[in-house]
């Protein structure tokens, strides 16, 4: 049962999590806890959702005291079989979640969560749980060592190195921490150089002497210095084998790790200029990502400038220009992608949204009409189509699309609430206030905190 990103969740669950993040910012913690518990029940390996849940749990418990953690403090040394216990991991996970829902500072429950995650094959969740223990018990050496091993198992040797450094800072002669550092240093080097899992790093080196040298160097060299070294080596390989795309990839990756997106983009484009690179879809995707990252960084820099100098017209103009550039870039790339892959209806749905944001309403309608052929994005396309019709003040057509979407949706989740809210808004714009309020009442009866439905209902009855 592998760990999964939010992007791999069911679209309805993705929408729920998006709303939960908004709710967290608004302080609606009970809603966040309800949604995350619901999603984790279906996808227990979705770590971003578990992280969101923990933030809400910690905020909710703040100021309430840690009753369960105090009761269970004597259990903090309970057995934690890092290699996986004999118990049913799924049941252990359920028990741990129940305990943490009552008190997120329950160390024994966090260790139980880690053990269950190990049994279920969720290595990053193991590290997440042990890192939570570390926050509560920062001087717990046994937990720190387990956390370092967990980061290694999760394929994140840089994080394991930080843990080893932390232990060695307190006790430079700690043999287990030194062993952890050696393993993490070599793992980090192997990962960056890109050796395959089928061949051990010792087989790649000429002799044991080189292995020892590598371990010692990796132990004392910082990440940036190591990346610069790998960059220099990759540049030398490009000079010797100018047609080998892997060398170009290594150069671009090193520049990216150093934060130099501009040079990374230059080298990706050099790779795409090679005969074998012209049809390489991975390089094409990297080029788009890097170009967007460069513009996005300018947007963030402009936002920071505006925040630092409120009322500065020049800074605000620069921010507006950067945002416009980013929007134009995304739109151009989306159009190009749909031209190459016309049967990717999700891409058409995305393009429709960008066109609508850009004010190209008729073009957006065409994309939404095509996108609704796909069951995966049909509801989103119907809503997009309704918003496009609303922008053209064709409210009756918008209502028709929204009624169709409403009829095709089952239970009252946030997706359906969005559809009903849009429907009520269109009815309001048509002057059908009584019909609109009936739609808002449906949401109000299920979720009083959804958008501004409470204000609408209160205003209606006050009138």
Protein backbone atom coordinates (compact mmCIF):
# COMPACT_ATOMS: atom_id res chain seq x y z
CA UNK A 1 0.00 0.00 0.00
CA UNK A 2 2.17 2.90 -1.24
CA UNK A 3 2.04 6.47 0.02
CA UNK A 4 0.12 8.77 -2.29
CA UNK A 5 0.21 12.52 -3.04
CA UNK A 6 -2.88 14.69 -2.88
CA UNK A 7 -2.90 14.88 -6.68
CA UNK A 8 -3.58 11.13 -6.81
CA UNK A 9 -6.67 11.35 -4.61
CA UNK A 10 -10.19 11.16 -5.96
CA UNK A 11 -11.09 14.63 -7.36
CA UNK A 12 -13.77 15.05 -4.72
CA UNK A 13 -11.28 14.33 -1.96
CA UNK A 14 -8.83 16.77 -3.55
CA UNK A 15 -11.53 19.43 -3.38
CA UNK A 16 -12.24 18.58 0.24
CA UNK A 17 -8.58 19.01 1.13
CA UNK A 18 -8.40 22.34 -0.73
CA UNK A 19 -11.37 23.54 1.31
CA UNK A 20 -9.81 22.16 4.50
CA UNK A 21 -6.68 24.25 3.90
CA UNK A 22 -8.85 27.34 3.50
CA UNK A 23 -10.78 26.39 6.62
CA UNK A 24 -7.53 26.04 8.55
CA UNK A 25 -6.60 29.62 7.68
CA UNK A 26 -10.04 30.71 8.88
CA UNK A 27 -9.64 28.83 12.14
CA UNK A 28 -12.43 26.32 11.35
CA UNK A 29 -10.52 23.49 13.01
CA UNK A 30 -13.42 21.09 13.54
CA UNK A 31 -14.10 21.09 9.81
CA UNK A 32 -10.43 20.41 9.03
CA UNK A 33 -10.34 17.52 11.47
CA UNK A 34 -13.53 16.02 10.08
CA UNK A 35 -12.38 16.23 6.45
CA UNK A 36 -8.86 14.93 7.04
CA UNK A 37 -10.18 11.99 9.07
CA UNK A 38 -12.60 11.20 6.27
CA UNK A 39 -9.89 11.22 3.58
CA UNK A 40 -7.32 9.31 5.67
CA UNK A 41 -9.85 6.57 6.28
CA UNK A 42 -9.82 5.93 2.53
CA UNK A 43 -6.18 6.85 1.83
CA UNK A 44 -4.16 6.39 5.04
CA UNK A 45 -0.93 6.83 3.11
CA UNK A 46 -1.59 10.40 2.01
CA UNK A 47 1.01 12.18 4.12
CA UNK A 48 0.11 15.79 3.16
CA UNK A 49 -3.39 15.15 4.53
CA UNK A 50 -1.95 13.68 7.72
CA UNK A 51 0.28 16.75 8.13
CA UNK A 52 -2.74 19.02 7.69
CA UNK A 53 -4.63 16.99 10.28
CA UNK A 54 -1.80 17.30 12.82
CA UNK A 55 -1.61 21.07 12.43
CA UNK A 56 -5.33 21.29 13.15
CA UNK A 57 -5.03 18.89 16.08
CA UNK A 58 -2.20 20.88 17.67
CA UNK A 59 -4.04 24.18 17.24
CA UNK A 60 -7.24 22.68 18.60
CA UNK A 61 -5.51 21.25 21.69
CA UNK A 62 -3.59 24.45 22.44
CA UNK A 63 -4.62 25.75 25.81
CA UNK A 64 -6.64 22.65 26.67
CA UNK A 65 -3.80 20.87 28.45
CA UNK A 66 -2.37 17.46 27.59
CA UNK A 67 -4.41 15.05 29.68
CA UNK A 68 -3.78 11.97 27.59
CA UNK A 69 -0.10 12.74 27.16
CA UNK A 70 0.25 13.06 30.93
CA UNK A 71 -1.66 9.84 31.54
CA UNK A 72 0.44 7.98 28.99
CA UNK A 73 3.80 9.55 29.84
CA UNK A 74 4.84 6.31 31.47
CA UNK A 75 4.26 4.58 28.14
CA UNK A 76 6.75 6.70 26.22
CA UNK A 77 9.23 3.86 26.42
CA UNK A 78 6.71 1.31 25.10
CA UNK A 79 8.17 -1.18 22.64
CA UNK A 80 8.64 0.25 19.16
CA UNK A 81 9.66 -2.47 16.74
CA UNK A 82 11.16 -0.45 13.93
CA UNK A 83 11.27 -3.44 11.65
CA UNK A 84 7.52 -3.94 11.99
CA UNK A 85 5.54 -5.59 14.77
CA UNK A 86 3.46 -8.73 14.94
CA UNK A 87 0.27 -6.78 15.47
CA UNK A 88 -2.21 -5.89 12.73
CA UNK A 89 -0.75 -2.59 11.40
CA UNK A 90 -4.10 -1.38 10.06
CA UNK A 91 -5.70 -1.81 13.48
CA UNK A 92 -2.68 -0.22 15.15
CA UNK A 93 -3.05 2.76 12.82
CA UNK A 94 -6.70 3.13 13.74
CA UNK A 95 -5.90 2.99 17.46
CA UNK A 96 -3.08 5.51 17.12
CA UNK A 97 -5.32 7.91 15.20
CA UNK A 98 -8.02 7.64 17.88
CA UNK A 99 -5.52 8.43 20.64
CA UNK A 100 -3.97 11.34 18.73
CA UNK A 101 -7.40 12.79 18.03
CA UNK A 102 -7.84 13.04 21.82
CA UNK A 103 -4.32 14.32 22.48
CA UNK A 104 -1.80 15.01 19.69
CA UNK A 105 0.99 15.15 22.31
CA UNK A 106 0.58 11.47 23.16
CA UNK A 107 4.10 10.15 22.56
CA UNK A 108 3.09 6.51 22.86
CA UNK A 109 0.41 7.03 20.21
CA UNK A 110 2.91 8.68 17.88
CA UNK A 111 5.25 5.71 18.25
CA UNK A 112 2.32 3.41 17.58
CA UNK A 113 1.55 5.43 14.45
CA UNK A 114 5.16 5.02 13.31
CA UNK A 115 5.09 1.27 13.91
CA UNK A 116 1.79 0.90 12.05
CA UNK A 117 3.08 2.98 9.14
CA UNK A 118 6.18 0.78 8.98
CA UNK A 119 3.98 -2.31 8.77
CA UNK A 120 1.84 -0.75 6.05
CA UNK A 121 4.85 0.32 3.97
CA UNK A 122 4.58 4.08 4.52
CA UNK A 123 8.23 5.10 5.11
CA UNK A 124 7.66 8.87 5.03
CA UNK A 125 4.78 8.54 7.47
CA UNK A 126 7.13 6.67 9.81
CA UNK A 127 9.54 9.61 9.67
CA UNK A 128 6.66 12.05 10.13
CA UNK A 129 5.51 10.33 13.33
CA UNK A 130 9.00 10.06 14.80
CA UNK A 131 9.70 13.69 13.93
CA UNK A 132 6.58 14.60 15.90
CA UNK A 133 8.03 12.68 18.85
CA UNK A 134 11.26 14.62 18.38
CA UNK A 135 9.38 17.90 18.75
CA UNK A 136 7.98 16.67 22.08
CA UNK A 137 11.15 14.94 23.29
CA UNK A 138 14.06 16.67 21.52
CA UNK A 139 16.71 14.98 23.69
CA UNK A 140 15.41 11.44 23.24
CA UNK A 141 18.52 9.90 21.63
CA UNK A 142 16.88 6.54 20.83
CA UNK A 143 14.09 8.31 18.98
CA UNK A 144 16.55 10.52 17.11
CA UNK A 145 18.46 7.47 15.88
CA UNK A 146 15.20 5.80 14.81
CA UNK A 147 14.20 9.00 13.02
CA UNK A 148 17.51 9.11 11.17
CA UNK A 149 17.04 5.52 10.01
CA UNK A 150 13.47 6.36 9.00
CA UNK A 151 14.66 9.24 6.83
CA UNK A 152 17.14 6.89 5.17
CA UNK A 153 14.38 4.35 4.50
CA UNK A 154 12.25 7.13 3.03
CA UNK A 155 15.04 8.04 0.60
CA UNK A 156 15.90 11.35 2.25
CA UNK A 157 19.54 11.07 3.32
CA UNK A 158 19.94 14.85 3.72
CA UNK A 159 17.39 14.80 6.54
CA UNK A 160 19.14 11.79 8.08
CA UNK A 161 22.41 13.75 8.02
CA UNK A 162 20.80 16.58 9.97
CA UNK A 163 19.70 14.14 12.66
CA UNK A 164 23.18 12.63 12.88
CA UNK A 165 24.65 16.14 13.20
CA UNK A 166 22.20 16.92 15.98
CA UNK A 167 23.22 13.85 18.00
CA UNK A 168 26.95 14.38 17.38
CA UNK A 169 26.70 18.00 18.45
CA UNK A 170 25.77 16.76 21.91
CA UNK A 171 28.13 13.77 21.88
CA UNK A 172 30.82 13.79 19.15
CA UNK A 173 31.94 10.25 20.03
CA UNK A 174 28.50 8.64 19.63
CA UNK A 175 29.32 5.53 17.54
CA UNK A 176 25.74 4.91 16.37
CA UNK A 177 25.35 8.52 15.26
CA UNK A 178 28.67 8.31 13.40
CA UNK A 179 27.45 5.15 11.67
CA UNK A 180 24.21 6.93 10.73
CA UNK A 181 26.18 9.83 9.30
CA UNK A 182 28.34 7.53 7.18
CA UNK A 183 25.34 5.70 5.77
CA UNK A 184 23.46 8.94 5.08
CA UNK A 185 26.50 10.57 3.46
CA UNK A 186 27.03 7.67 1.08
CA UNK A 187 23.30 7.41 0.32
CA UNK A 188 23.18 11.12 -0.50
CA UNK A 189 26.16 10.82 -2.83
CA UNK A 190 24.74 7.72 -4.53
CA UNK A 191 21.43 9.51 -5.07
CA UNK A 192 23.01 12.62 -6.56
CA UNK A 193 25.37 10.71 -8.83
CA UNK A 194 22.41 8.64 -9.98
CA UNK A 195 23.71 5.09 -9.64
CA UNK A 196 21.10 2.41 -10.17
CA UNK A 197 19.66 0.37 -7.35
CA UNK A 198 20.65 -2.82 -9.10
CA UNK A 199 24.35 -2.16 -8.46
CA UNK A 200 25.83 -1.24 -5.11
CA UNK A 201 28.01 1.83 -4.78
CA UNK A 202 31.00 -0.35 -3.83
CA UNK A 203 30.68 -2.20 -7.14
CA UNK A 204 30.85 1.17 -8.89
CA UNK A 205 34.13 2.11 -7.30
CA UNK A 206 37.49 0.63 -8.15
CA UNK A 207 38.46 -0.45 -4.69
CA UNK A 208 37.73 -0.20 -0.99
CA UNK A 209 40.10 2.74 -0.63
CA UNK A 210 37.93 4.88 -2.89
CA UNK A 211 34.83 3.88 -0.89
CA UNK A 212 36.38 4.99 2.39
CA UNK A 213 37.54 8.24 0.79
CA UNK A 214 34.07 8.95 -0.52
CA UNK A 215 32.47 8.34 2.87
CA UNK A 216 34.93 10.61 4.64
CA UNK A 217 34.51 13.41 2.12
CA UNK A 218 30.71 13.22 2.13
CA UNK A 219 30.77 13.36 5.91
CA UNK A 220 32.40 16.77 6.08
CA UNK A 221 31.26 18.47 2.86
CA UNK A 222 28.12 20.60 2.98
CA UNK A 223 25.24 20.01 0.58
CA UNK A 224 25.97 23.06 -1.58
CA UNK A 225 29.64 22.20 -1.90
CA UNK A 226 28.76 18.63 -2.87
CA UNK A 227 26.27 19.89 -5.44
CA UNK A 228 28.87 22.23 -6.90
CA UNK A 229 31.30 19.32 -7.13
CA UNK A 230 28.71 17.21 -8.93
CA UNK A 231 28.02 20.13 -11.25
CA UNK A 232 31.69 20.44 -12.17
CA UNK A 233 31.89 16.72 -12.83
CA UNK A 234 28.76 16.80 -15.00
CA UNK A 235 30.09 19.75 -17.02
CA UNK A 236 33.30 17.80 -17.65
CA UNK A 237 31.28 14.80 -18.83
CA UNK A 238 29.29 16.98 -21.23
CA UNK A 239 32.55 18.20 -22.76
CA UNK A 240 33.67 14.60 -23.33
CA UNK A 241 30.29 13.21 -24.47
CA UNK A 242 28.26 16.10 -25.91
CA UNK A 243 25.51 13.82 -27.26
CA UNK A 244 24.75 12.09 -23.94
CA UNK A 245 21.48 13.58 -22.61
CA UNK A 246 22.07 12.21 -19.11
CA UNK A 247 25.01 14.58 -18.65
CA UNK A 248 22.86 17.56 -19.60
CA UNK A 249 20.21 16.39 -17.15
CA UNK A 250 22.83 16.19 -14.38
CA UNK A 251 24.01 19.74 -15.08
CA UNK A 252 20.46 21.09 -15.10
CA UNK A 253 19.57 19.23 -11.90
CA UNK A 254 22.64 20.57 -10.11
CA UNK A 255 21.84 24.16 -11.09
CA UNK A 256 18.26 23.60 -9.94
CA UNK A 257 19.42 22.33 -6.55
CA UNK A 258 21.63 25.41 -6.23
CA UNK A 259 18.58 27.60 -6.88
CA UNK A 260 19.90 28.85 -10.24
CA UNK A 261 16.78 28.21 -12.30
CA UNK A 262 17.98 30.38 -15.17
CA UNK A 263 21.09 28.26 -15.81
CA UNK A 264 19.09 25.08 -15.26
CA UNK A 265 16.70 26.22 -17.99
CA UNK A 266 19.62 27.00 -20.33
CA UNK A 267 20.91 23.44 -19.96
CA UNK A 268 17.52 21.81 -20.37
CA UNK A 269 17.13 23.73 -23.62
CA UNK A 270 20.62 22.63 -24.69
CA UNK A 271 19.54 19.05 -24.03
CA UNK A 272 16.38 19.52 -26.08
CA UNK A 273 18.48 20.87 -28.93
CA UNK A 274 20.29 17.51 -29.19
CA UNK A 275 18.92 14.95 -31.68
CA UNK A 276 17.66 12.63 -28.95
CA UNK A 277 16.23 15.50 -26.90
CA UNK A 278 13.82 16.93 -29.44
CA UNK A 279 11.15 14.33 -28.64
CA UNK A 280 11.95 13.81 -24.96
CA UNK A 281 8.71 14.50 -23.05
CA UNK A 282 10.51 14.66 -19.68
CA UNK A 283 12.81 17.43 -20.86
CA UNK A 284 9.83 19.27 -22.35
CA UNK A 285 8.08 19.15 -18.98
CA UNK A 286 11.22 20.33 -17.17
CA UNK A 287 11.57 23.28 -19.54
CA UNK A 288 8.01 24.38 -18.80
CA UNK A 289 8.42 23.92 -15.04
CA UNK A 290 11.66 25.90 -14.92
CA UNK A 291 10.33 28.74 -17.05
CA UNK A 292 7.27 28.96 -14.80
CA UNK A 293 9.45 28.80 -11.67
CA UNK A 294 11.54 31.75 -12.89
CA UNK A 295 8.46 33.90 -13.45
CA UNK A 296 6.86 32.70 -10.22
CA UNK A 297 9.95 33.75 -8.29
CA UNK A 298 9.66 37.24 -9.80
CA UNK A 299 6.05 37.34 -8.60
CA UNK A 300 7.10 36.42 -5.05
CA UNK A 301 9.88 39.01 -5.11
CA UNK A 302 7.42 41.65 -6.31
CA UNK A 303 4.93 40.65 -3.58
CA UNK A 304 7.67 41.03 -0.98
CA UNK A 305 8.53 44.46 -2.35
CA UNK A 306 4.89 45.57 -2.13
CA UNK A 307 4.62 44.24 1.42
CA UNK A 308 7.79 46.10 2.41
CA UNK A 309 6.66 49.38 0.85
CA UNK A 310 2.91 49.66 1.13
CA UNK A 311 1.49 52.28 -1.22
CA UNK A 312 4.50 52.25 -3.56
CA UNK A 313 2.89 52.61 -7.00
CA UNK A 314 6.00 51.44 -8.84
CA UNK A 315 6.22 48.26 -6.74
CA UNK A 316 2.53 47.55 -7.27
CA UNK A 317 2.90 48.05 -11.02
CA UNK A 318 5.84 45.66 -11.06
CA UNK A 319 3.79 43.07 -9.19
CA UNK A 320 0.88 43.44 -11.60
CA UNK A 321 3.24 43.01 -14.55
CA UNK A 322 4.81 39.88 -13.04
CA UNK A 323 1.41 38.33 -12.35
CA UNK A 324 0.26 39.14 -15.87
CA UNK A 325 3.41 37.57 -17.29
CA UNK A 326 2.87 34.39 -15.28
CA UNK A 327 -0.79 34.15 -16.33
CA UNK A 328 0.14 34.69 -19.99
CA UNK A 329 2.85 32.04 -19.79
CA UNK A 330 0.52 29.46 -18.24
CA UNK A 331 -2.11 30.18 -20.87
CA UNK A 332 0.35 29.86 -23.75
CA UNK A 333 1.71 26.58 -22.40
CA UNK A 334 -1.79 25.19 -21.81
CA UNK A 335 -2.82 26.03 -25.38
CA UNK A 336 0.29 24.41 -26.76
CA UNK A 337 -0.29 21.28 -24.71
CA UNK A 338 -3.91 20.91 -25.84
CA UNK A 339 -2.83 21.34 -29.45
CA UNK A 340 -0.41 18.43 -29.04
CA UNK A 341 -2.75 16.27 -26.95
CA UNK A 342 -6.32 17.16 -28.01
CA UNK A 343 -7.84 14.12 -26.28
CA UNK A 344 -6.56 15.09 -22.83
CA UNK A 345 -9.83 16.41 -21.45
CA UNK A 346 -8.35 17.34 -18.08
CA UNK A 347 -5.94 19.61 -19.97
CA UNK A 348 -8.89 21.13 -21.81
CA UNK A 349 -10.61 21.78 -18.48
CA UNK A 350 -7.48 23.52 -17.21
CA UNK A 351 -7.19 25.56 -20.40
CA UNK A 352 -10.84 26.57 -20.13
CA UNK A 353 -10.24 27.95 -16.65
CA UNK A 354 -7.21 29.94 -17.79
CA UNK A 355 -9.09 31.32 -20.79
CA UNK A 356 -11.99 32.36 -18.56
CA UNK A 357 -9.59 34.11 -16.15
CA UNK A 358 -8.08 35.90 -19.16
CA UNK A 359 -11.51 37.13 -20.28
CA UNK A 360 -11.59 34.93 -23.39
CA UNK A 361 -15.06 33.65 -22.57
CA UNK A 362 -16.12 32.15 -25.90
CA UNK A 363 -12.87 30.23 -26.22
CA UNK A 364 -13.31 28.99 -22.64
CA UNK A 365 -16.83 27.75 -23.43
CA UNK A 366 -15.47 25.66 -26.29
CA UNK A 367 -12.90 23.99 -24.04
CA UNK A 368 -15.41 23.30 -21.25
CA UNK A 369 -17.85 21.77 -23.76
CA UNK A 370 -15.14 19.36 -24.90
CA UNK A 371 -13.94 18.63 -21.36
CA UNK A 372 -17.38 17.56 -20.10
CA UNK A 373 -17.09 14.43 -22.28
CA UNK A 374 -14.70 13.01 -19.67
CA UNK A 375 -16.31 11.53 -16.51
CA UNK A 376 -13.23 12.55 -14.50
CA UNK A 377 -13.68 16.29 -15.10
CA UNK A 378 -17.32 16.46 -16.18
CA UNK A 379 -18.64 18.21 -13.08
CA UNK A 380 -15.80 20.74 -13.08
CA UNK A 381 -16.42 21.37 -16.78
CA UNK A 382 -20.15 21.91 -16.21
CA UNK A 383 -19.39 24.42 -13.46
CA UNK A 384 -16.80 26.14 -15.65
CA UNK A 385 -19.32 26.30 -18.47
CA UNK A 386 -21.89 27.82 -16.11
CA UNK A 387 -19.41 30.48 -14.97
CA UNK A 388 -18.62 31.31 -18.56
CA UNK A 389 -22.32 31.69 -19.38
CA UNK A 390 -22.72 33.84 -16.24
CA UNK A 391 -19.88 36.06 -17.46
CA UNK A 392 -21.85 36.57 -20.69
CA UNK A 393 -25.01 37.23 -18.59
CA UNK A 394 -26.65 34.15 -20.10
CA UNK A 395 -28.00 33.23 -16.69
CA UNK A 396 -30.64 30.76 -17.87
CA UNK A 397 -27.99 28.71 -19.67
CA UNK A 398 -25.77 28.85 -16.59
CA UNK A 399 -28.64 27.60 -14.39
CA UNK A 400 -29.23 24.71 -16.81
CA UNK A 401 -25.59 23.56 -16.54
CA UNK A 402 -25.60 23.83 -12.76
CA UNK A 403 -28.86 21.90 -12.41
CA UNK A 404 -27.32 19.13 -14.50
CA UNK A 405 -24.22 19.06 -12.30
CA UNK A 406 -26.35 19.12 -9.14
CA UNK A 407 -28.43 16.15 -10.35
CA UNK A 408 -25.32 14.11 -11.16
CA UNK A 409 -23.71 14.60 -7.75
CA UNK A 410 -24.55 12.34 -4.82
CA UNK A 411 -24.01 13.28 -1.19
CA UNK A 412 -23.58 16.80 0.09
CA UNK A 413 -19.83 17.26 -0.14
CA UNK A 414 -17.99 20.52 -0.86
CA UNK A 415 -18.16 19.96 -4.61
CA UNK A 416 -21.93 19.85 -4.47
CA UNK A 417 -22.00 22.87 -2.16
CA UNK A 418 -19.97 24.80 -4.74
CA UNK A 419 -22.43 23.82 -7.47
CA UNK A 420 -25.47 24.80 -5.40
CA UNK A 421 -23.86 28.09 -4.34
CA UNK A 422 -23.20 28.98 -7.99
CA UNK A 423 -26.77 28.01 -8.82
CA UNK A 424 -28.12 30.27 -6.08
CA UNK A 425 -25.91 33.13 -7.25
CA UNK A 426 -27.18 32.84 -10.83
CA UNK A 427 -30.78 32.77 -9.63
CA UNK A 428 -30.10 35.93 -7.61
CA UNK A 429 -28.73 37.64 -10.71
CA UNK A 430 -31.90 36.66 -12.58
CA UNK A 431 -33.97 38.36 -9.88
CA UNK A 432 -35.35 35.03 -8.63
CA UNK A 433 -34.51 35.72 -4.99
CA UNK A 434 -36.94 33.21 -3.46
CA UNK A 435 -35.61 30.40 -5.67
CA UNK A 436 -32.04 31.46 -4.84
CA UNK A 437 -32.64 31.42 -1.09
CA UNK A 438 -34.04 27.89 -1.33
CA UNK A 439 -30.72 26.77 -2.81
CA UNK A 440 -28.74 28.58 -0.12
CA UNK A 441 -30.93 26.95 2.54
CA UNK A 442 -29.81 23.52 1.31
CA UNK A 443 -26.20 24.47 2.04
CA UNK A 444 -27.09 26.26 5.29
CA UNK A 445 -28.80 23.16 6.66
CA UNK A 446 -25.60 21.15 6.09
CA UNK A 447 -22.79 23.67 6.62
CA UNK A 448 -23.49 27.02 8.25
CA UNK A 449 -19.88 28.10 7.74
CA UNK A 450 -19.79 27.65 3.97
CA UNK A 451 -18.80 30.95 2.32
CA UNK A 452 -21.38 33.65 3.16
CA UNK A 453 -24.56 31.52 3.16
CA UNK A 454 -25.22 32.36 6.82
CA UNK A 455 -25.20 36.08 5.98
CA UNK A 456 -27.56 35.49 3.05
CA UNK A 457 -29.99 33.45 5.13
CA UNK A 458 -29.93 35.93 8.03
CA UNK A 459 -30.48 38.87 5.68
CA UNK A 460 -33.39 37.07 4.02
CA UNK A 461 -35.20 36.43 7.29
CA UNK A 462 -34.39 39.90 8.63
CA UNK A 463 -36.09 41.37 5.57
